[in-house]
Amino acid sequence: MGNLRLSVDLSTQRLTVWEGERVAKQYLVSTGANGIGEIQGSGCTPRGRHRVRAKIGAGAPAGTVFRGRRVARELPLCTAEALAAFPDRDWITSRILWLSGLEPGRNRLGCVDSMRRYIYIHGTPHRAELGRPASHGCIRMADADVIELFDLVPLGTQVDLHE
């Protein structure tokens, strides 16, 4: 697939992969429980044009747990036991697509910088939350879906986050 771009509809909780003007794939996602917004510390999902700045987790097993963009030493895999022990944890699993804003003053630089806010598209074990806002500002996906997306899109892919 060539000429790919991503679109995340924050109102319908869907991520669409576009190949030119054709819909190539669609995925159910979960965005910020605190709604839509750009301010650092808000827990909201930002809007606007972004790009995939970094891809983290290539080749890692599904369910790999990340902390600080590295495989977690204390708990490298998300298991049923780990989920039960830490029910409120914001799990970042399987893959990370780290986003960088492209619009100065809206999602780039200062207190609205998406990259400095660590806004990712990442995996989650909380499948029941997909389709509704429940994240801490990132775009969550099912582990199998984020692995497929990760393998599909190159660095620099444009990502549009919109209502």
N, C-alpha and C. Protein backbone atom coordinates (compact mmCIF):
# COMPACT_ATOMS: atom_id res chain seq x y z
N MET A 1 0.84 -1.19 0.00
CA MET A 1 0.00 0.00 0.00
C MET A 1 0.88 1.24 0.00
N GLY A 2 0.56 2.16 -0.86
CA GLY A 2 1.31 3.41 -0.91
C GLY A 2 0.38 4.58 -0.69
N ASN A 3 0.96 5.75 -0.43
CA ASN A 3 0.18 6.97 -0.26
C ASN A 3 -0.86 6.85 0.86
N LEU A 4 -0.42 6.37 2.03
CA LEU A 4 -1.33 6.17 3.15
C LEU A 4 -1.40 7.40 4.04
N ARG A 5 -2.58 7.61 4.62
CA ARG A 5 -2.76 8.60 5.67
C ARG A 5 -3.81 8.06 6.62
N LEU A 6 -3.78 8.55 7.85
CA LEU A 6 -4.71 8.10 8.87
C LEU A 6 -5.63 9.24 9.27
N SER A 7 -6.85 8.87 9.62
CA SER A 7 -7.84 9.83 10.09
C SER A 7 -8.50 9.22 11.32
N VAL A 8 -8.53 9.98 12.41
CA VAL A 8 -9.19 9.54 13.64
C VAL A 8 -10.39 10.45 13.88
N ASP A 9 -11.58 9.88 13.81
CA ASP A 9 -12.81 10.61 14.07
C ASP A 9 -13.10 10.50 15.57
N LEU A 10 -12.91 11.60 16.28
CA LEU A 10 -13.05 11.60 17.73
C LEU A 10 -14.51 11.46 18.16
N SER A 11 -15.45 11.78 17.30
CA SER A 11 -16.86 11.65 17.66
C SER A 11 -17.37 10.23 17.47
N THR A 12 -16.86 9.52 16.47
CA THR A 12 -17.32 8.14 16.24
C THR A 12 -16.36 7.09 16.79
N GLN A 13 -15.18 7.54 17.28
CA GLN A 13 -14.18 6.63 17.84
C GLN A 13 -13.72 5.60 16.81
N ARG A 14 -13.41 6.09 15.61
CA ARG A 14 -12.94 5.24 14.52
C ARG A 14 -11.66 5.80 13.93
N LEU A 15 -10.72 4.91 13.65
CA LEU A 15 -9.50 5.26 12.94
C LEU A 15 -9.63 4.67 11.54
N THR A 16 -9.43 5.51 10.53
CA THR A 16 -9.52 5.08 9.14
C THR A 16 -8.15 5.19 8.49
N VAL A 17 -7.76 4.14 7.78
CA VAL A 17 -6.55 4.16 6.96
C VAL A 17 -7.00 4.46 5.53
N TRP A 18 -6.49 5.56 5.00
CA TRP A 18 -6.81 5.97 3.64
C TRP A 18 -5.64 5.64 2.73
N GLU A 19 -5.93 5.06 1.58
CA GLU A 19 -4.95 4.88 0.53
C GLU A 19 -5.44 5.73 -0.63
N GLY A 20 -4.83 6.91 -0.77
CA GLY A 20 -5.36 7.89 -1.71
C GLY A 20 -6.73 8.32 -1.23
N GLU A 21 -7.74 8.15 -2.05
CA GLU A 21 -9.12 8.52 -1.68
C GLU A 21 -9.96 7.31 -1.28
N ARG A 22 -9.32 6.14 -1.17
CA ARG A 22 -10.02 4.90 -0.86
C ARG A 22 -9.79 4.50 0.60
N VAL A 23 -10.86 4.07 1.26
CA VAL A 23 -10.73 3.54 2.62
C VAL A 23 -10.12 2.15 2.52
N ALA A 24 -8.93 1.99 3.12
CA ALA A 24 -8.24 0.70 3.08
C ALA A 24 -8.57 -0.15 4.30
N LYS A 25 -8.73 0.48 5.47
CA LYS A 25 -9.01 -0.22 6.73
C LYS A 25 -9.73 0.73 7.66
N GLN A 26 -10.48 0.16 8.59
CA GLN A 26 -11.07 0.93 9.68
C GLN A 26 -10.94 0.15 10.97
N TYR A 27 -10.71 0.88 12.07
CA TYR A 27 -10.54 0.26 13.38
C TYR A 27 -11.35 1.04 14.42
N LEU A 28 -11.83 0.33 15.41
CA LEU A 28 -12.47 0.93 16.57
C LEU A 28 -11.37 1.38 17.52
N VAL A 29 -11.49 2.58 18.10
CA VAL A 29 -10.49 3.12 19.01
C VAL A 29 -11.16 3.67 20.27
N SER A 30 -10.35 4.08 21.21
CA SER A 30 -10.81 4.80 22.39
C SER A 30 -9.91 6.00 22.58
N THR A 31 -10.50 7.19 22.66
CA THR A 31 -9.74 8.43 22.84
C THR A 31 -9.97 8.96 24.26
N GLY A 32 -9.57 10.19 24.52
CA GLY A 32 -9.54 10.77 25.85
C GLY A 32 -10.87 10.80 26.60
N ALA A 33 -10.88 10.22 27.79
CA ALA A 33 -12.06 10.23 28.66
C ALA A 33 -12.44 11.67 29.04
N ASN A 34 -11.44 12.56 29.06
CA ASN A 34 -11.70 13.96 29.39
C ASN A 34 -12.13 14.78 28.19
N GLY A 35 -12.31 14.12 27.05
CA GLY A 35 -12.79 14.82 25.87
C GLY A 35 -11.68 15.25 24.93
N ILE A 36 -11.95 16.32 24.22
CA ILE A 36 -11.07 16.81 23.17
C ILE A 36 -10.42 18.11 23.63
N GLY A 37 -9.11 18.22 23.46
CA GLY A 37 -8.39 19.43 23.84
C GLY A 37 -6.90 19.25 23.70
N GLU A 38 -6.20 20.34 23.66
CA GLU A 38 -4.78 20.32 23.35
C GLU A 38 -3.85 20.64 24.51
N ILE A 39 -4.35 21.11 25.63
CA ILE A 39 -3.50 21.61 26.71
C ILE A 39 -2.81 20.47 27.47
N GLN A 40 -1.52 20.63 27.69
CA GLN A 40 -0.74 19.65 28.44
C GLN A 40 -1.36 19.42 29.81
N GLY A 41 -1.43 18.16 30.22
CA GLY A 41 -1.98 17.80 31.53
C GLY A 41 -3.49 17.68 31.56
N SER A 42 -4.15 17.93 30.44
CA SER A 42 -5.62 17.92 30.41
C SER A 42 -6.21 16.52 30.35
N GLY A 43 -5.44 15.53 29.86
CA GLY A 43 -5.98 14.20 29.65
C GLY A 43 -6.91 14.12 28.45
N CYS A 44 -6.90 15.18 27.64
CA CYS A 44 -7.75 15.24 26.44
C CYS A 44 -6.96 14.80 25.21
N THR A 45 -7.69 14.39 24.18
CA THR A 45 -7.08 14.03 22.91
C THR A 45 -7.03 15.28 22.02
N PRO A 46 -5.84 15.58 21.47
CA PRO A 46 -5.70 16.78 20.65
C PRO A 46 -6.29 16.61 19.26
N ARG A 47 -6.59 17.74 18.64
CA ARG A 47 -7.09 17.77 17.27
C ARG A 47 -5.99 18.23 16.33
N GLY A 48 -6.28 18.11 15.04
CA GLY A 48 -5.41 18.67 14.03
C GLY A 48 -4.53 17.67 13.31
N ARG A 49 -3.66 18.24 12.46
CA ARG A 49 -2.76 17.43 11.66
C ARG A 49 -1.53 17.03 12.46
N HIS A 50 -1.20 15.75 12.39
CA HIS A 50 -0.04 15.17 13.06
C HIS A 50 0.69 14.28 12.06
N ARG A 51 1.82 13.77 12.51
CA ARG A 51 2.52 12.74 11.75
C ARG A 51 3.06 11.71 12.73
N VAL A 52 3.31 10.50 12.22
CA VAL A 52 3.92 9.46 13.04
C VAL A 52 5.40 9.80 13.17
N ARG A 53 5.79 10.20 14.37
CA ARG A 53 7.17 10.66 14.64
C ARG A 53 8.11 9.51 14.96
N ALA A 54 7.57 8.47 15.65
CA ALA A 54 8.38 7.31 16.03
C ALA A 54 7.49 6.09 16.10
N LYS A 55 8.09 4.94 15.80
CA LYS A 55 7.41 3.65 15.91
C LYS A 55 8.21 2.81 16.90
N ILE A 56 7.53 2.36 17.93
CA ILE A 56 8.20 1.65 19.03
C ILE A 56 7.54 0.29 19.24
N GLY A 57 8.37 -0.76 19.33
CA GLY A 57 7.86 -2.09 19.65
C GLY A 57 7.92 -3.10 18.53
N ALA A 58 8.60 -2.78 17.43
CA ALA A 58 8.67 -3.72 16.30
C ALA A 58 9.13 -5.10 16.77
N GLY A 59 8.36 -6.12 16.40
CA GLY A 59 8.74 -7.49 16.72
C GLY A 59 8.40 -7.96 18.12
N ALA A 60 7.93 -7.08 18.98
CA ALA A 60 7.58 -7.47 20.35
C ALA A 60 6.32 -8.34 20.33
N PRO A 61 6.21 -9.28 21.25
CA PRO A 61 5.00 -10.11 21.30
C PRO A 61 3.76 -9.26 21.63
N ALA A 62 2.61 -9.70 21.14
CA ALA A 62 1.35 -9.04 21.49
C ALA A 62 1.22 -9.03 23.01
N GLY A 63 0.77 -7.91 23.56
CA GLY A 63 0.61 -7.80 25.01
C GLY A 63 1.84 -7.31 25.74
N THR A 64 2.93 -7.04 25.00
CA THR A 64 4.12 -6.47 25.64
C THR A 64 3.73 -5.15 26.30
N VAL A 65 4.21 -4.94 27.52
CA VAL A 65 3.89 -3.74 28.29
C VAL A 65 5.03 -2.73 28.15
N PHE A 66 4.67 -1.48 27.87
CA PHE A 66 5.66 -0.41 27.75
C PHE A 66 5.47 0.60 28.86
N ARG A 67 6.59 1.06 29.41
CA ARG A 67 6.64 2.18 30.37
C ARG A 67 7.78 3.07 29.91
N GLY A 68 7.48 4.35 29.74
CA GLY A 68 8.52 5.26 29.25
C GLY A 68 9.06 4.85 27.89
N ARG A 69 8.20 4.28 27.05
CA ARG A 69 8.54 3.86 25.70
C ARG A 69 9.54 2.72 25.64
N ARG A 70 9.71 1.99 26.74
CA ARG A 70 10.58 0.82 26.80
C ARG A 70 9.78 -0.35 27.38
N VAL A 71 10.21 -1.57 27.05
CA VAL A 71 9.54 -2.74 27.62
C VAL A 71 9.69 -2.67 29.14
N ALA A 72 8.57 -2.81 29.84
CA ALA A 72 8.56 -2.72 31.31
C ALA A 72 9.32 -3.91 31.89
N ARG A 73 10.31 -3.63 32.71
CA ARG A 73 11.11 -4.70 33.32
C ARG A 73 10.31 -5.49 34.36
N GLU A 74 9.52 -4.77 35.16
CA GLU A 74 8.81 -5.41 36.25
C GLU A 74 7.62 -6.25 35.79
N LEU A 75 7.12 -5.94 34.59
CA LEU A 75 5.92 -6.62 34.08
C LEU A 75 5.95 -6.57 32.56
N PRO A 76 6.76 -7.44 31.92
CA PRO A 76 6.94 -7.31 30.47
C PRO A 76 5.74 -7.72 29.62
N LEU A 77 4.82 -8.53 30.16
CA LEU A 77 3.63 -8.93 29.40
C LEU A 77 2.38 -8.68 30.22
N CYS A 78 1.34 -8.22 29.55
CA CYS A 78 0.05 -8.00 30.19
C CYS A 78 -0.70 -9.34 30.24
N THR A 79 -0.94 -9.82 31.44
CA THR A 79 -1.64 -11.10 31.64
C THR A 79 -2.94 -10.83 32.37
N ALA A 80 -3.80 -11.83 32.44
CA ALA A 80 -5.06 -11.71 33.19
C ALA A 80 -4.78 -11.40 34.65
N GLU A 81 -3.73 -12.01 35.20
CA GLU A 81 -3.36 -11.76 36.60
C GLU A 81 -2.91 -10.32 36.80
N ALA A 82 -2.12 -9.80 35.85
CA ALA A 82 -1.65 -8.41 35.95
C ALA A 82 -2.83 -7.44 35.84
N LEU A 83 -3.76 -7.72 34.94
CA LEU A 83 -4.94 -6.86 34.80
C LEU A 83 -5.75 -6.84 36.10
N ALA A 84 -5.90 -7.98 36.72
CA ALA A 84 -6.64 -8.07 37.99
C ALA A 84 -5.91 -7.34 39.11
N ALA A 85 -4.59 -7.43 39.12
CA ALA A 85 -3.79 -6.79 40.17
C ALA A 85 -3.73 -5.28 40.03
N PHE A 86 -3.80 -4.78 38.81
CA PHE A 86 -3.69 -3.35 38.53
C PHE A 86 -4.85 -2.89 37.64
N PRO A 87 -6.07 -2.91 38.15
CA PRO A 87 -7.25 -2.63 37.31
C PRO A 87 -7.32 -1.19 36.79
N ASP A 88 -6.68 -0.24 37.45
CA ASP A 88 -6.77 1.16 37.04
C ASP A 88 -5.56 1.65 36.25
N ARG A 89 -4.66 0.75 35.96
CA ARG A 89 -3.44 1.13 35.22
C ARG A 89 -3.78 1.53 33.79
N ASP A 90 -3.10 2.53 33.28
CA ASP A 90 -3.24 2.93 31.88
C ASP A 90 -2.25 2.09 31.08
N TRP A 91 -2.69 0.93 30.64
CA TRP A 91 -1.83 -0.03 29.95
C TRP A 91 -1.47 0.47 28.55
N ILE A 92 -0.18 0.45 28.24
CA ILE A 92 0.32 0.75 26.90
C ILE A 92 0.97 -0.54 26.43
N THR A 93 0.31 -1.21 25.48
CA THR A 93 0.75 -2.55 25.10
C THR A 93 0.99 -2.70 23.59
N SER A 94 1.79 -3.68 23.26
CA SER A 94 2.05 -4.21 21.91
C SER A 94 2.85 -3.29 20.99
N ARG A 95 2.37 -2.08 20.71
CA ARG A 95 3.07 -1.15 19.82
C ARG A 95 2.72 0.28 20.20
N ILE A 96 3.64 1.20 19.83
CA ILE A 96 3.42 2.64 20.02
C ILE A 96 3.72 3.35 18.71
N LEU A 97 2.77 4.16 18.26
CA LEU A 97 3.00 5.12 17.18
C LEU A 97 2.93 6.49 17.84
N TRP A 98 4.09 7.13 18.01
CA TRP A 98 4.19 8.40 18.73
C TRP A 98 3.91 9.53 17.75
N LEU A 99 2.95 10.38 18.10
CA LEU A 99 2.52 11.45 17.20
C LEU A 99 3.19 12.78 17.51
N SER A 100 3.44 13.53 16.46
CA SER A 100 3.99 14.87 16.57
C SER A 100 3.06 15.82 15.81
N GLY A 101 2.66 16.91 16.46
CA GLY A 101 1.77 17.88 15.83
C GLY A 101 2.47 18.63 14.71
N LEU A 102 1.68 19.08 13.75
CA LEU A 102 2.21 19.82 12.60
C LEU A 102 1.74 21.27 12.55
N GLU A 103 0.93 21.68 13.56
CA GLU A 103 0.33 23.01 13.52
C GLU A 103 0.78 23.83 14.73
N PRO A 104 1.79 24.71 14.54
CA PRO A 104 2.28 25.53 15.66
C PRO A 104 1.15 26.31 16.32
N GLY A 105 1.11 26.25 17.65
CA GLY A 105 0.08 26.95 18.42
C GLY A 105 -1.18 26.14 18.61
N ARG A 106 -1.36 25.10 17.81
CA ARG A 106 -2.55 24.24 17.95
C ARG A 106 -2.19 22.90 18.57
N ASN A 107 -1.14 22.25 18.03
CA ASN A 107 -0.71 20.95 18.55
C ASN A 107 0.81 20.78 18.49
N ARG A 108 1.49 21.89 18.29
CA ARG A 108 2.95 21.88 18.22
C ARG A 108 3.50 23.09 18.99
N LEU A 109 4.52 22.84 19.77
CA LEU A 109 5.22 23.85 20.57
C LEU A 109 4.39 24.28 21.79
N GLY A 110 5.09 24.82 22.77
CA GLY A 110 4.45 25.34 23.97
C GLY A 110 3.63 24.30 24.73
N CYS A 111 2.56 24.74 25.36
CA CYS A 111 1.75 23.87 26.22
C CYS A 111 0.76 23.02 25.44
N VAL A 112 0.82 23.08 24.10
CA VAL A 112 -0.09 22.26 23.28
C VAL A 112 0.66 21.23 22.44
N ASP A 113 1.93 21.01 22.71
CA ASP A 113 2.76 20.14 21.89
C ASP A 113 2.41 18.66 22.10
N SER A 114 1.83 18.05 21.07
CA SER A 114 1.39 16.65 21.17
C SER A 114 2.54 15.70 21.47
N MET A 115 3.69 15.93 20.89
CA MET A 115 4.82 15.03 21.15
C MET A 115 5.27 15.14 22.60
N ARG A 116 5.37 16.34 23.13
CA ARG A 116 5.77 16.53 24.53
C ARG A 116 4.68 16.04 25.49
N ARG A 117 3.46 15.95 25.00
CA ARG A 117 2.35 15.40 25.80
C ARG A 117 2.34 13.87 25.72
N TYR A 118 3.22 13.29 24.92
CA TYR A 118 3.30 11.83 24.75
C TYR A 118 1.98 11.27 24.24
N ILE A 119 1.48 11.87 23.16
CA ILE A 119 0.26 11.39 22.53
C ILE A 119 0.63 10.27 21.56
N TYR A 120 0.09 9.08 21.84
CA TYR A 120 0.39 7.89 21.06
C TYR A 120 -0.88 7.28 20.48
N ILE A 121 -0.70 6.47 19.46
CA ILE A 121 -1.65 5.42 19.09
C ILE A 121 -1.00 4.17 19.66
N HIS A 122 -1.69 3.48 20.56
CA HIS A 122 -1.07 2.31 21.20
C HIS A 122 -2.09 1.23 21.50
N GLY A 123 -1.57 0.05 21.81
CA GLY A 123 -2.42 -1.07 22.16
C GLY A 123 -2.94 -0.98 23.58
N THR A 124 -4.05 -1.67 23.81
CA THR A 124 -4.64 -1.74 25.15
C THR A 124 -5.29 -3.11 25.33
N PRO A 125 -5.25 -3.63 26.56
CA PRO A 125 -5.98 -4.87 26.83
C PRO A 125 -7.46 -4.61 27.15
N HIS A 126 -7.84 -3.35 27.31
CA HIS A 126 -9.21 -2.99 27.69
C HIS A 126 -10.12 -2.90 26.46
N ARG A 127 -10.40 -4.03 25.84
CA ARG A 127 -11.19 -4.07 24.60
C ARG A 127 -12.61 -3.55 24.80
N ALA A 128 -13.17 -3.76 26.00
CA ALA A 128 -14.55 -3.32 26.25
C ALA A 128 -14.68 -1.79 26.18
N GLU A 129 -13.57 -1.06 26.34
CA GLU A 129 -13.61 0.40 26.29
C GLU A 129 -13.48 0.95 24.87
N LEU A 130 -13.14 0.10 23.91
CA LEU A 130 -13.03 0.57 22.53
C LEU A 130 -14.40 1.00 22.04
N GLY A 131 -14.43 2.10 21.29
CA GLY A 131 -15.69 2.64 20.80
C GLY A 131 -16.25 3.74 21.67
N ARG A 132 -15.56 4.03 22.80
CA ARG A 132 -15.99 5.14 23.65
C ARG A 132 -14.76 5.80 24.26
N PRO A 133 -14.84 7.09 24.57
CA PRO A 133 -13.70 7.78 25.17
C PRO A 133 -13.38 7.22 26.56
N ALA A 134 -12.15 6.75 26.76
CA ALA A 134 -11.76 6.17 28.05
C ALA A 134 -10.27 6.30 28.34
N SER A 135 -9.49 6.86 27.41
CA SER A 135 -8.04 6.91 27.59
C SER A 135 -7.63 8.15 28.39
N HIS A 136 -6.32 8.28 28.59
CA HIS A 136 -5.77 9.46 29.25
C HIS A 136 -5.35 10.52 28.23
N GLY A 137 -5.83 10.40 27.00
CA GLY A 137 -5.54 11.36 25.94
C GLY A 137 -5.02 10.71 24.67
N CYS A 138 -4.47 9.52 24.79
CA CYS A 138 -3.96 8.80 23.62
C CYS A 138 -5.10 8.15 22.85
N ILE A 139 -4.74 7.53 21.73
CA ILE A 139 -5.68 6.76 20.93
C ILE A 139 -5.36 5.30 21.18
N ARG A 140 -6.25 4.61 21.85
CA ARG A 140 -6.06 3.19 22.17
C ARG A 140 -6.70 2.32 21.11
N MET A 141 -6.04 1.18 20.86
CA MET A 141 -6.54 0.19 19.90
C MET A 141 -6.37 -1.20 20.48
N ALA A 142 -7.13 -2.16 19.96
CA ALA A 142 -6.92 -3.57 20.31
C ALA A 142 -5.50 -3.95 19.91
N ASP A 143 -4.88 -4.83 20.68
CA ASP A 143 -3.49 -5.21 20.40
C ASP A 143 -3.29 -5.71 18.97
N ALA A 144 -4.14 -6.62 18.50
CA ALA A 144 -3.98 -7.15 17.14
C ALA A 144 -4.11 -6.05 16.10
N ASP A 145 -5.01 -5.10 16.34
CA ASP A 145 -5.22 -4.00 15.40
C ASP A 145 -4.02 -3.06 15.35
N VAL A 146 -3.46 -2.71 16.51
CA VAL A 146 -2.33 -1.77 16.51
C VAL A 146 -1.09 -2.43 15.90
N ILE A 147 -0.94 -3.74 16.08
CA ILE A 147 0.18 -4.44 15.45
C ILE A 147 0.02 -4.40 13.93
N GLU A 148 -1.19 -4.65 13.44
CA GLU A 148 -1.45 -4.58 12.00
C GLU A 148 -1.19 -3.17 11.46
N LEU A 149 -1.69 -2.15 12.16
CA LEU A 149 -1.49 -0.76 11.75
C LEU A 149 -0.01 -0.40 11.74
N PHE A 150 0.70 -0.78 12.80
CA PHE A 150 2.13 -0.50 12.94
C PHE A 150 2.89 -1.03 11.73
N ASP A 151 2.57 -2.25 11.31
CA ASP A 151 3.26 -2.87 10.17
C ASP A 151 2.88 -2.23 8.85
N LEU A 152 1.73 -1.59 8.80
CA LEU A 152 1.19 -1.01 7.58
C LEU A 152 1.75 0.38 7.27
N VAL A 153 1.89 1.22 8.31
CA VAL A 153 2.22 2.64 8.06
C VAL A 153 3.70 2.94 8.29
N PRO A 154 4.29 3.72 7.40
CA PRO A 154 5.69 4.13 7.59
C PRO A 154 5.81 5.35 8.50
N LEU A 155 7.02 5.57 8.98
CA LEU A 155 7.31 6.81 9.71
C LEU A 155 6.91 7.99 8.84
N GLY A 156 6.42 9.04 9.47
CA GLY A 156 6.05 10.24 8.75
C GLY A 156 4.62 10.25 8.23
N THR A 157 3.92 9.12 8.38
CA THR A 157 2.53 9.05 7.91
C THR A 157 1.71 10.16 8.55
N GLN A 158 0.90 10.86 7.75
CA GLN A 158 0.04 11.92 8.26
C GLN A 158 -1.13 11.31 9.02
N VAL A 159 -1.47 11.94 10.16
CA VAL A 159 -2.59 11.52 11.01
C VAL A 159 -3.42 12.75 11.30
N ASP A 160 -4.70 12.72 10.90
CA ASP A 160 -5.60 13.84 11.15
C ASP A 160 -6.56 13.44 12.26
N LEU A 161 -6.55 14.19 13.37
CA LEU A 161 -7.46 13.95 14.49
C LEU A 161 -8.54 15.02 14.42
N HIS A 162 -9.81 14.59 14.26
CA HIS A 162 -10.89 15.55 14.05
C HIS A 162 -12.17 15.07 14.71
N GLU A 163 -13.12 16.03 14.85
CA GLU A 163 -14.44 15.73 15.42
C GLU A 163 -15.39 15.36 14.31
